[in-house]
Amino acid sequence: MFLIGQRKIAKFIKKHPNAKTSLERWVVLITENDFNSFPDLTSIFPTADYVRPYTVFNISGNNFRLIAEISYLEKTIIIDSILTHAEYDKEMWKNEF
């Protein structure tokens, strides 16, 4: 998969260094795999959720949430945002679309 938004990851890690290892592992798993569908994705990321139009990933034992748009046809994933669990629970990100 082609990943767009790695600067967002770097910025988030500066603010939340305890997310570094988990986010780096997520990047490796995303970029080294070609997912054809959401069920295909959940074979590697079983806790991922689809909240139209986004896919939400639990990061670092569900301490953080990575929200992305995925085009399985184009093999592209675009990071929309990365949030703490508390920020995610406020559901403000849902109002963005």
PDB file of N, CA and C in Angstrom:
ATOM      1  N   MET A   1       0.851  -1.174   0.000  1.00  0.00           N
ATOM      2  CA  MET A   1       0.000   0.000   0.000  1.00  0.00           C
ATOM      3  C   MET A   1       0.895   1.235   0.000  1.00  0.00           C
ATOM      4  N   PHE A   2       0.425   2.250  -0.689  1.00  0.00           N
ATOM      5  CA  PHE A   2       1.117   3.530  -0.715  1.00  0.00           C
ATOM      6  C   PHE A   2       0.515   4.403   0.382  1.00  0.00           C
ATOM      7  N   LEU A   3       1.360   4.888   1.278  1.00  0.00           N
ATOM      8  CA  LEU A   3       0.910   5.626   2.451  1.00  0.00           C
ATOM      9  C   LEU A   3       1.132   7.122   2.264  1.00  0.00           C
ATOM     10  N   ILE A   4       0.070   7.896   2.464  1.00  0.00           N
ATOM     11  CA  ILE A   4       0.133   9.350   2.397  1.00  0.00           C
ATOM     12  C   ILE A   4      -0.189   9.890   3.790  1.00  0.00           C
ATOM     13  N   GLY A   5       0.703  10.734   4.301  1.00  0.00           N
ATOM     14  CA  GLY A   5       0.463  11.355   5.600  1.00  0.00           C
ATOM     15  C   GLY A   5       1.460  10.968   6.669  1.00  0.00           C
ATOM     16  N   GLN A   6       2.629  10.523   6.264  1.00  0.00           N
ATOM     17  CA  GLN A   6       3.609  10.112   7.268  1.00  0.00           C
ATOM     18  C   GLN A   6       4.089  11.285   8.128  1.00  0.00           C
ATOM     19  N   ARG A   7       3.969  12.510   7.621  1.00  0.00           N
ATOM     20  CA  ARG A   7       4.334  13.674   8.452  1.00  0.00           C
ATOM     21  C   ARG A   7       3.414  13.785   9.661  1.00  0.00           C
ATOM     22  N   LYS A   8       2.172  13.390   9.485  1.00  0.00           N
ATOM     23  CA  LYS A   8       1.234  13.409  10.610  1.00  0.00           C
ATOM     24  C   LYS A   8       1.685  12.439  11.696  1.00  0.00           C
ATOM     25  N   ILE A   9       2.230  11.316  11.269  1.00  0.00           N
ATOM     26  CA  ILE A   9       2.748  10.340  12.235  1.00  0.00           C
ATOM     27  C   ILE A   9       3.930  10.935  12.988  1.00  0.00           C
ATOM     28  N   ALA A  10       4.865  11.524  12.258  1.00  0.00           N
ATOM     29  CA  ALA A  10       6.040  12.123  12.897  1.00  0.00           C
ATOM     30  C   ALA A  10       5.639  13.211  13.881  1.00  0.00           C
ATOM     31  N   LYS A  11       4.688  14.035  13.503  1.00  0.00           N
ATOM     32  CA  LYS A  11       4.208  15.115  14.376  1.00  0.00           C
ATOM     33  C   LYS A  11       3.549  14.538  15.631  1.00  0.00           C
ATOM     34  N   PHE A  12       2.752  13.486  15.457  1.00  0.00           N
ATOM     35  CA  PHE A  12       2.078  12.862  16.593  1.00  0.00           C
ATOM     36  C   PHE A  12       3.094  12.229  17.541  1.00  0.00           C
ATOM     37  N   ILE A  13       4.114  11.593  16.989  1.00  0.00           N
ATOM     38  CA  ILE A  13       5.145  10.957  17.819  1.00  0.00           C
ATOM     39  C   ILE A  13       5.898  11.999  18.649  1.00  0.00           C
ATOM     40  N   LYS A  14       6.137  13.164  18.085  1.00  0.00           N
ATOM     41  CA  LYS A  14       6.804  14.227  18.868  1.00  0.00           C
ATOM     42  C   LYS A  14       5.979  14.607  20.087  1.00  0.00           C
ATOM     43  N   LYS A  15       4.669  14.623  19.920  1.00  0.00           N
ATOM     44  CA  LYS A  15       3.776  14.993  21.016  1.00  0.00           C
ATOM     45  C   LYS A  15       3.520  13.812  21.956  1.00  0.00           C
ATOM     46  N   HIS A  16       3.527  12.591  21.406  1.00  0.00           N
ATOM     47  CA  HIS A  16       3.228  11.372  22.169  1.00  0.00           C
ATOM     48  C   HIS A  16       4.304  10.322  21.876  1.00  0.00           C
ATOM     49  N   PRO A  17       5.505  10.483  22.448  1.00  0.00           N
ATOM     50  CA  PRO A  17       6.599   9.561  22.125  1.00  0.00           C
ATOM     51  C   PRO A  17       6.311   8.098  22.474  1.00  0.00           C
ATOM     52  N   ASN A  18       5.391   7.865  23.396  1.00  0.00           N
ATOM     53  CA  ASN A  18       5.057   6.479  23.747  1.00  0.00           C
ATOM     54  C   ASN A  18       4.289   5.762  22.631  1.00  0.00           C
ATOM     55  N   ALA A  19       3.886   6.485  21.606  1.00  0.00           N
ATOM     56  CA  ALA A  19       3.200   5.872  20.458  1.00  0.00           C
ATOM     57  C   ALA A  19       4.169   5.462  19.360  1.00  0.00           C
ATOM     58  N   LYS A  20       5.438   5.822  19.497  1.00  0.00           N
ATOM     59  CA  LYS A  20       6.415   5.632  18.422  1.00  0.00           C
ATOM     60  C   LYS A  20       6.514   4.184  17.941  1.00  0.00           C
ATOM     61  N   THR A  21       6.761   3.265  18.813  1.00  0.00           N
ATOM     62  CA  THR A  21       6.968   1.867  18.419  1.00  0.00           C
ATOM     63  C   THR A  21       5.733   1.305  17.713  1.00  0.00           C
ATOM     64  N   SER A  22       4.562   1.564  18.269  1.00  0.00           N
ATOM     65  CA  SER A  22       3.330   1.034  17.676  1.00  0.00           C
ATOM     66  C   SER A  22       3.044   1.658  16.317  1.00  0.00           C
ATOM     67  N   LEU A  23       3.253   2.960  16.187  1.00  0.00           N
ATOM     68  CA  LEU A  23       3.014   3.612  14.899  1.00  0.00           C
ATOM     69  C   LEU A  23       4.028   3.162  13.851  1.00  0.00           C
ATOM     70  N   GLU A  24       5.274   3.005  14.246  1.00  0.00           N
ATOM     71  CA  GLU A  24       6.277   2.513  13.294  1.00  0.00           C
ATOM     72  C   GLU A  24       5.936   1.104  12.830  1.00  0.00           C
ATOM     73  N   ARG A  25       5.453   0.274  13.711  1.00  0.00           N
ATOM     74  CA  ARG A  25       5.048  -1.086  13.348  1.00  0.00           C
ATOM     75  C   ARG A  25       3.839  -1.051  12.415  1.00  0.00           C
ATOM     76  N   TRP A  26       2.902  -0.167  12.695  1.00  0.00           N
ATOM     77  CA  TRP A  26       1.732  -0.013  11.834  1.00  0.00           C
ATOM     78  C   TRP A  26       2.153   0.375  10.416  1.00  0.00           C
ATOM     79  N   VAL A  27       3.089   1.316  10.304  1.00  0.00           N
ATOM     80  CA  VAL A  27       3.584   1.752   8.990  1.00  0.00           C
ATOM     81  C   VAL A  27       4.185   0.571   8.233  1.00  0.00           C
ATOM     82  N   VAL A  28       4.985  -0.220   8.896  1.00  0.00           N
ATOM     83  CA  VAL A  28       5.599  -1.385   8.254  1.00  0.00           C
ATOM     84  C   VAL A  28       4.524  -2.346   7.754  1.00  0.00           C
ATOM     85  N   LEU A  29       3.554  -2.652   8.593  1.00  0.00           N
ATOM     86  CA  LEU A  29       2.504  -3.593   8.196  1.00  0.00           C
ATOM     87  C   LEU A  29       1.654  -3.048   7.044  1.00  0.00           C
ATOM     88  N   ILE A  30       1.366  -1.757   7.069  1.00  0.00           N
ATOM     89  CA  ILE A  30       0.565  -1.150   6.002  1.00  0.00           C
ATOM     90  C   ILE A  30       1.335  -1.148   4.684  1.00  0.00           C
ATOM     91  N   THR A  31       2.581  -0.704   4.707  1.00  0.00           N
ATOM     92  CA  THR A  31       3.330  -0.528   3.462  1.00  0.00           C
ATOM     93  C   THR A  31       3.854  -1.833   2.881  1.00  0.00           C
ATOM     94  N   GLU A  32       3.965  -2.867   3.688  1.00  0.00           N
ATOM     95  CA  GLU A  32       4.472  -4.140   3.182  1.00  0.00           C
ATOM     96  C   GLU A  32       3.364  -5.088   2.726  1.00  0.00           C
ATOM     97  N   ASN A  33       2.119  -4.644   2.819  1.00  0.00           N
ATOM     98  CA  ASN A  33       0.990  -5.484   2.416  1.00  0.00           C
ATOM     99  C   ASN A  33       0.164  -4.767   1.355  1.00  0.00           C
ATOM    100  N   ASP A  34      -0.495  -5.560   0.521  1.00  0.00           N
ATOM    101  CA  ASP A  34      -1.449  -5.044  -0.457  1.00  0.00           C
ATOM    102  C   ASP A  34      -2.809  -5.608  -0.097  1.00  0.00           C
ATOM    103  N   PHE A  35      -3.644  -4.769   0.474  1.00  0.00           N
ATOM    104  CA  PHE A  35      -4.969  -5.195   0.884  1.00  0.00           C
ATOM    105  C   PHE A  35      -5.955  -4.982  -0.261  1.00  0.00           C
ATOM    106  N   ASN A  36      -6.803  -5.956  -0.491  1.00  0.00           N
ATOM    107  CA  ASN A  36      -7.786  -5.878  -1.570  1.00  0.00           C
ATOM    108  C   ASN A  36      -9.184  -5.500  -1.082  1.00  0.00           C
ATOM    109  N   SER A  37      -9.396  -5.573   0.231  1.00  0.00           N
ATOM    110  CA  SER A  37     -10.718  -5.304   0.794  1.00  0.00           C
ATOM    111  C   SER A  37     -10.583  -5.101   2.303  1.00  0.00           C
ATOM    112  N   PHE A  38     -11.668  -4.628   2.919  1.00  0.00           N
ATOM    113  CA  PHE A  38     -11.652  -4.470   4.374  1.00  0.00           C
ATOM    114  C   PHE A  38     -11.460  -5.814   5.086  1.00  0.00           C
ATOM    115  N   PRO A  39     -12.161  -6.879   4.679  1.00  0.00           N
ATOM    116  CA  PRO A  39     -11.895  -8.174   5.327  1.00  0.00           C
ATOM    117  C   PRO A  39     -10.431  -8.615   5.187  1.00  0.00           C
ATOM    118  N   ASP A  40      -9.826  -8.309   4.061  1.00  0.00           N
ATOM    119  CA  ASP A  40      -8.411  -8.608   3.859  1.00  0.00           C
ATOM    120  C   ASP A  40      -7.561  -7.828   4.862  1.00  0.00           C
ATOM    121  N   LEU A  41      -7.891  -6.567   5.067  1.00  0.00           N
ATOM    122  CA  LEU A  41      -7.174  -5.718   6.017  1.00  0.00           C
ATOM    123  C   LEU A  41      -7.306  -6.252   7.439  1.00  0.00           C
ATOM    124  N   THR A  42      -8.498  -6.707   7.793  1.00  0.00           N
ATOM    125  CA  THR A  42      -8.709  -7.177   9.165  1.00  0.00           C
ATOM    126  C   THR A  42      -8.011  -8.509   9.456  1.00  0.00           C
ATOM    127  N   SER A  43      -7.497  -9.150   8.440  1.00  0.00           N
ATOM    128  CA  SER A  43      -6.686 -10.344   8.707  1.00  0.00           C
ATOM    129  C   SER A  43      -5.361  -9.948   9.375  1.00  0.00           C
ATOM    130  N   ILE A  44      -4.906  -8.739   9.126  1.00  0.00           N
ATOM    131  CA  ILE A  44      -3.681  -8.216   9.757  1.00  0.00           C
ATOM    132  C   ILE A  44      -4.027  -7.284  10.915  1.00  0.00           C
ATOM    133  N   PHE A  45      -5.110  -6.519  10.771  1.00  0.00           N
ATOM    134  CA  PHE A  45      -5.553  -5.555  11.784  1.00  0.00           C
ATOM    135  C   PHE A  45      -6.966  -5.933  12.246  1.00  0.00           C
ATOM    136  N   PRO A  46      -7.083  -6.957  13.089  1.00  0.00           N
ATOM    137  CA  PRO A  46      -8.412  -7.459  13.453  1.00  0.00           C
ATOM    138  C   PRO A  46      -9.286  -6.473  14.228  1.00  0.00           C
ATOM    139  N   THR A  47      -8.693  -5.459  14.842  1.00  0.00           N
ATOM    140  CA  THR A  47      -9.498  -4.500  15.608  1.00  0.00           C
ATOM    141  C   THR A  47      -9.871  -3.258  14.797  1.00  0.00           C
ATOM    142  N   ALA A  48      -9.504  -3.215  13.529  1.00  0.00           N
ATOM    143  CA  ALA A  48      -9.858  -2.069  12.688  1.00  0.00           C
ATOM    144  C   ALA A  48     -11.378  -2.017  12.518  1.00  0.00           C
ATOM    145  N   ASP A  49     -11.882  -0.784  12.474  1.00  0.00           N
ATOM    146  CA  ASP A  49     -13.316  -0.567  12.275  1.00  0.00           C
ATOM    147  C   ASP A  49     -13.522   0.301  11.049  1.00  0.00           C
ATOM    148  N   TYR A  50     -14.610   0.056  10.347  1.00  0.00           N
ATOM    149  CA  TYR A  50     -14.966   0.897   9.215  1.00  0.00           C
ATOM    150  C   TYR A  50     -16.081   1.833   9.657  1.00  0.00           C
ATOM    151  N   VAL A  51     -15.787   3.129   9.649  1.00  0.00           N
ATOM    152  CA  VAL A  51     -16.750   4.171   9.990  1.00  0.00           C
ATOM    153  C   VAL A  51     -16.787   5.082   8.775  1.00  0.00           C
ATOM    154  N   ARG A  52     -17.702   4.806   7.884  1.00  0.00           N
ATOM    155  CA  ARG A  52     -17.738   5.422   6.573  1.00  0.00           C
ATOM    156  C   ARG A  52     -17.448   6.911   6.608  1.00  0.00           C
ATOM    157  N   PRO A  53     -16.531   7.418   5.852  1.00  0.00           N
ATOM    158  CA  PRO A  53     -15.706   6.778   4.829  1.00  0.00           C
ATOM    159  C   PRO A  53     -14.328   6.347   5.349  1.00  0.00           C
ATOM    160  N   TYR A  54     -14.184   6.288   6.665  1.00  0.00           N
ATOM    161  CA  TYR A  54     -12.871   6.046   7.259  1.00  0.00           C
ATOM    162  C   TYR A  54     -12.693   4.619   7.770  1.00  0.00           C
ATOM    163  N   THR A  55     -11.421   4.242   7.867  1.00  0.00           N
ATOM    164  CA  THR A  55     -11.044   3.053   8.605  1.00  0.00           C
ATOM    165  C   THR A  55     -10.319   3.549   9.852  1.00  0.00           C
ATOM    166  N   VAL A  56     -10.716   3.029  10.999  1.00  0.00           N
ATOM    167  CA  VAL A  56     -10.149   3.450  12.280  1.00  0.00           C
ATOM    168  C   VAL A  56      -9.320   2.303  12.836  1.00  0.00           C
ATOM    169  N   PHE A  57      -8.056   2.613  13.125  1.00  0.00           N
ATOM    170  CA  PHE A  57      -7.120   1.625  13.655  1.00  0.00           C
ATOM    171  C   PHE A  57      -6.848   1.911  15.130  1.00  0.00           C
ATOM    172  N   ASN A  58      -6.867   0.868  15.939  1.00  0.00           N
ATOM    173  CA  ASN A  58      -6.445   0.984  17.332  1.00  0.00           C
ATOM    174  C   ASN A  58      -4.928   0.875  17.350  1.00  0.00           C
ATOM    175  N   ILE A  59      -4.287   1.826  18.002  1.00  0.00           N
ATOM    176  CA  ILE A  59      -2.835   1.869  18.057  1.00  0.00           C
ATOM    177  C   ILE A  59      -2.392   1.803  19.514  1.00  0.00           C
ATOM    178  N   SER A  60      -1.350   1.058  19.767  1.00  0.00           N
ATOM    179  CA  SER A  60      -0.740   0.978  21.093  1.00  0.00           C
ATOM    180  C   SER A  60      -1.749   0.529  22.151  1.00  0.00           C
ATOM    181  N   GLY A  61      -2.321  -0.633  21.916  1.00  0.00           N
ATOM    182  CA  GLY A  61      -3.256  -1.192  22.886  1.00  0.00           C
ATOM    183  C   GLY A  61      -4.492  -0.345  23.078  1.00  0.00           C
ATOM    184  N   ASN A  62      -4.939   0.312  22.007  1.00  0.00           N
ATOM    185  CA  ASN A  62      -6.142   1.137  22.005  1.00  0.00           C
ATOM    186  C   ASN A  62      -5.956   2.469  22.737  1.00  0.00           C
ATOM    187  N   ASN A  63      -4.709   2.865  22.979  1.00  0.00           N
ATOM    188  CA  ASN A  63      -4.453   4.171  23.589  1.00  0.00           C
ATOM    189  C   ASN A  63      -4.628   5.300  22.577  1.00  0.00           C
ATOM    190  N   PHE A  64      -4.427   4.978  21.308  1.00  0.00           N
ATOM    191  CA  PHE A  64      -4.506   5.970  20.241  1.00  0.00           C
ATOM    192  C   PHE A  64      -5.357   5.408  19.110  1.00  0.00           C
ATOM    193  N   ARG A  65      -5.892   6.317  18.281  1.00  0.00           N
ATOM    194  CA  ARG A  65      -6.679   5.918  17.128  1.00  0.00           C
ATOM    195  C   ARG A  65      -6.126   6.624  15.900  1.00  0.00           C
ATOM    196  N   LEU A  66      -5.886   5.857  14.869  1.00  0.00           N
ATOM    197  CA  LEU A  66      -5.451   6.398  13.587  1.00  0.00           C
ATOM    198  C   LEU A  66      -6.631   6.279  12.634  1.00  0.00           C
ATOM    199  N   ILE A  67      -7.001   7.407  12.040  1.00  0.00           N
ATOM    200  CA  ILE A  67      -8.163   7.465  11.151  1.00  0.00           C
ATOM    201  C   ILE A  67      -7.653   7.712   9.741  1.00  0.00           C
ATOM    202  N   ALA A  68      -8.049   6.841   8.815  1.00  0.00           N
ATOM    203  CA  ALA A  68      -7.528   6.916   7.450  1.00  0.00           C
ATOM    204  C   ALA A  68      -8.603   6.574   6.430  1.00  0.00           C
ATOM    205  N   GLU A  69      -8.394   7.073   5.223  1.00  0.00           N
ATOM    206  CA  GLU A  69      -9.221   6.687   4.082  1.00  0.00           C
ATOM    207  C   GLU A  69      -8.397   5.718   3.239  1.00  0.00           C
ATOM    208  N   ILE A  70      -9.019   4.646   2.818  1.00  0.00           N
ATOM    209  CA  ILE A  70      -8.312   3.621   2.058  1.00  0.00           C
ATOM    210  C   ILE A  70      -8.990   3.419   0.709  1.00  0.00           C
ATOM    211  N   SER A  71      -8.169   3.415  -0.335  1.00  0.00           N
ATOM    212  CA  SER A  71      -8.639   3.010  -1.657  1.00  0.00           C
ATOM    213  C   SER A  71      -7.988   1.663  -1.952  1.00  0.00           C
ATOM    214  N   TYR A  72      -8.772   0.616  -1.849  1.00  0.00           N
ATOM    215  CA  TYR A  72      -8.238  -0.719  -2.096  1.00  0.00           C
ATOM    216  C   TYR A  72      -7.898  -0.895  -3.567  1.00  0.00           C
ATOM    217  N   LEU A  73      -8.653  -0.255  -4.430  1.00  0.00           N
ATOM    218  CA  LEU A  73      -8.411  -0.345  -5.865  1.00  0.00           C
ATOM    219  C   LEU A  73      -7.080   0.313  -6.240  1.00  0.00           C
ATOM    220  N   GLU A  74      -6.830   1.497  -5.671  1.00  0.00           N
ATOM    221  CA  GLU A  74      -5.597   2.233  -5.970  1.00  0.00           C
ATOM    222  C   GLU A  74      -4.441   1.880  -5.041  1.00  0.00           C
ATOM    223  N   LYS A  75      -4.705   1.016  -4.059  1.00  0.00           N
ATOM    224  CA  LYS A  75      -3.675   0.585  -3.098  1.00  0.00           C
ATOM    225  C   LYS A  75      -3.072   1.781  -2.364  1.00  0.00           C
ATOM    226  N   THR A  76      -3.960   2.680  -1.913  1.00  0.00           N
ATOM    227  CA  THR A  76      -3.527   3.912  -1.263  1.00  0.00           C
ATOM    228  C   THR A  76      -4.246   4.083   0.064  1.00  0.00           C
ATOM    229  N   ILE A  77      -3.508   4.540   1.058  1.00  0.00           N
ATOM    230  CA  ILE A  77      -4.092   4.877   2.351  1.00  0.00           C
ATOM    231  C   ILE A  77      -3.671   6.298   2.694  1.00  0.00           C
ATOM    232  N   ILE A  78      -4.653   7.117   3.057  1.00  0.00           N
ATOM    233  CA  ILE A  78      -4.406   8.515   3.395  1.00  0.00           C
ATOM    234  C   ILE A  78      -4.766   8.710   4.863  1.00  0.00           C
ATOM    235  N   ILE A  79      -3.777   9.107   5.659  1.00  0.00           N
ATOM    236  CA  ILE A  79      -4.021   9.355   7.074  1.00  0.00           C
ATOM    237  C   ILE A  79      -4.775  10.668   7.222  1.00  0.00           C
ATOM    238  N   ASP A  80      -5.923  10.604   7.848  1.00  0.00           N
ATOM    239  CA  ASP A  80      -6.693  11.807   8.128  1.00  0.00           C
ATOM    240  C   ASP A  80      -6.243  12.420   9.448  1.00  0.00           C
ATOM    241  N   SER A  81      -6.197  11.602  10.495  1.00  0.00           N
ATOM    242  CA  SER A  81      -5.774  12.104  11.796  1.00  0.00           C
ATOM    243  C   SER A  81      -5.351  10.965  12.700  1.00  0.00           C
ATOM    244  N   ILE A  82      -4.610  11.346  13.726  1.00  0.00           N
ATOM    245  CA  ILE A  82      -4.213  10.417  14.778  1.00  0.00           C
ATOM    246  C   ILE A  82      -4.601  11.104  16.082  1.00  0.00           C
ATOM    247  N   LEU A  83      -5.326  10.384  16.911  1.00  0.00           N
ATOM    248  CA  LEU A  83      -5.881  10.978  18.121  1.00  0.00           C
ATOM    249  C   LEU A  83      -5.601  10.108  19.338  1.00  0.00           C
ATOM    250  N   THR A  84      -5.593  10.733  20.500  1.00  0.00           N
ATOM    251  CA  THR A  84      -5.608   9.943  21.722  1.00  0.00           C
ATOM    252  C   THR A  84      -6.997   9.326  21.827  1.00  0.00           C
ATOM    253  N   HIS A  85      -7.121   8.327  22.666  1.00  0.00           N
ATOM    254  CA  HIS A  85      -8.427   7.700  22.830  1.00  0.00           C
ATOM    255  C   HIS A  85      -9.446   8.724  23.342  1.00  0.00           C
ATOM    256  N   ALA A  86      -9.026   9.592  24.251  1.00  0.00           N
ATOM    257  CA  ALA A  86      -9.924  10.619  24.797  1.00  0.00           C
ATOM    258  C   ALA A  86     -10.383  11.588  23.708  1.00  0.00           C
ATOM    259  N   GLU A  87      -9.479  11.994  22.830  1.00  0.00           N
ATOM    260  CA  GLU A  87      -9.847  12.882  21.721  1.00  0.00           C
ATOM    261  C   GLU A  87     -10.824  12.181  20.779  1.00  0.00           C
ATOM    262  N   TYR A  88     -10.554  10.932  20.506  1.00  0.00           N
ATOM    263  CA  TYR A  88     -11.419  10.146  19.623  1.00  0.00           C
ATOM    264  C   TYR A  88     -12.828  10.041  20.204  1.00  0.00           C
ATOM    265  N   ASP A  89     -12.914   9.809  21.504  1.00  0.00           N
ATOM    266  CA  ASP A  89     -14.215   9.639  22.147  1.00  0.00           C
ATOM    267  C   ASP A  89     -15.086  10.886  22.087  1.00  0.00           C
ATOM    268  N   LYS A  90     -14.494  12.046  21.901  1.00  0.00           N
ATOM    269  CA  LYS A  90     -15.280  13.281  21.781  1.00  0.00           C
ATOM    270  C   LYS A  90     -16.035  13.324  20.458  1.00  0.00           C
ATOM    271  N   GLU A  91     -15.653  12.475  19.512  1.00  0.00           N
ATOM    272  CA  GLU A  91     -16.285  12.302  18.207  1.00  0.00           C
ATOM    273  C   GLU A  91     -16.303  13.562  17.353  1.00  0.00           C
ATOM    274  N   MET A  92     -15.444  14.529  17.648  1.00  0.00           N
ATOM    275  CA  MET A  92     -15.361  15.737  16.833  1.00  0.00           C
ATOM    276  C   MET A  92     -14.882  15.404  15.414  1.00  0.00           C
ATOM    277  N   TRP A  93     -14.070  14.363  15.283  1.00  0.00           N
ATOM    278  CA  TRP A  93     -13.529  13.987  13.968  1.00  0.00           C
ATOM    279  C   TRP A  93     -14.639  13.574  13.021  1.00  0.00           C
ATOM    280  N   LYS A  94     -15.756  13.097  13.524  1.00  0.00           N
ATOM    281  CA  LYS A  94     -16.855  12.661  12.668  1.00  0.00           C
ATOM    282  C   LYS A  94     -17.533  13.843  11.984  1.00  0.00           C
ATOM    283  N   ASN A  95     -17.406  15.016  12.558  1.00  0.00           N
ATOM    284  CA  ASN A  95     -18.036  16.211  11.993  1.00  0.00           C
ATOM    285  C   ASN A  95     -17.250  16.801  10.837  1.00  0.00           C
ATOM    286  N   GLU A  96     -16.076  16.253  10.579  1.00  0.00           N
ATOM    287  CA  GLU A  96     -15.209  16.792   9.538  1.00  0.00           C
ATOM    288  C   GLU A  96     -15.661  16.396   8.143  1.00  0.00           C
ATOM    289  N   PHE A  97     -16.506  15.391   8.003  1.00  0.00           N
ATOM    290  CA  PHE A  97     -16.928  14.973   6.656  1.00  0.00           C
ATOM    291  C   PHE A  97     -18.397  15.116   6.440  1.00  0.00           C
TER     292      PHE A  97
END
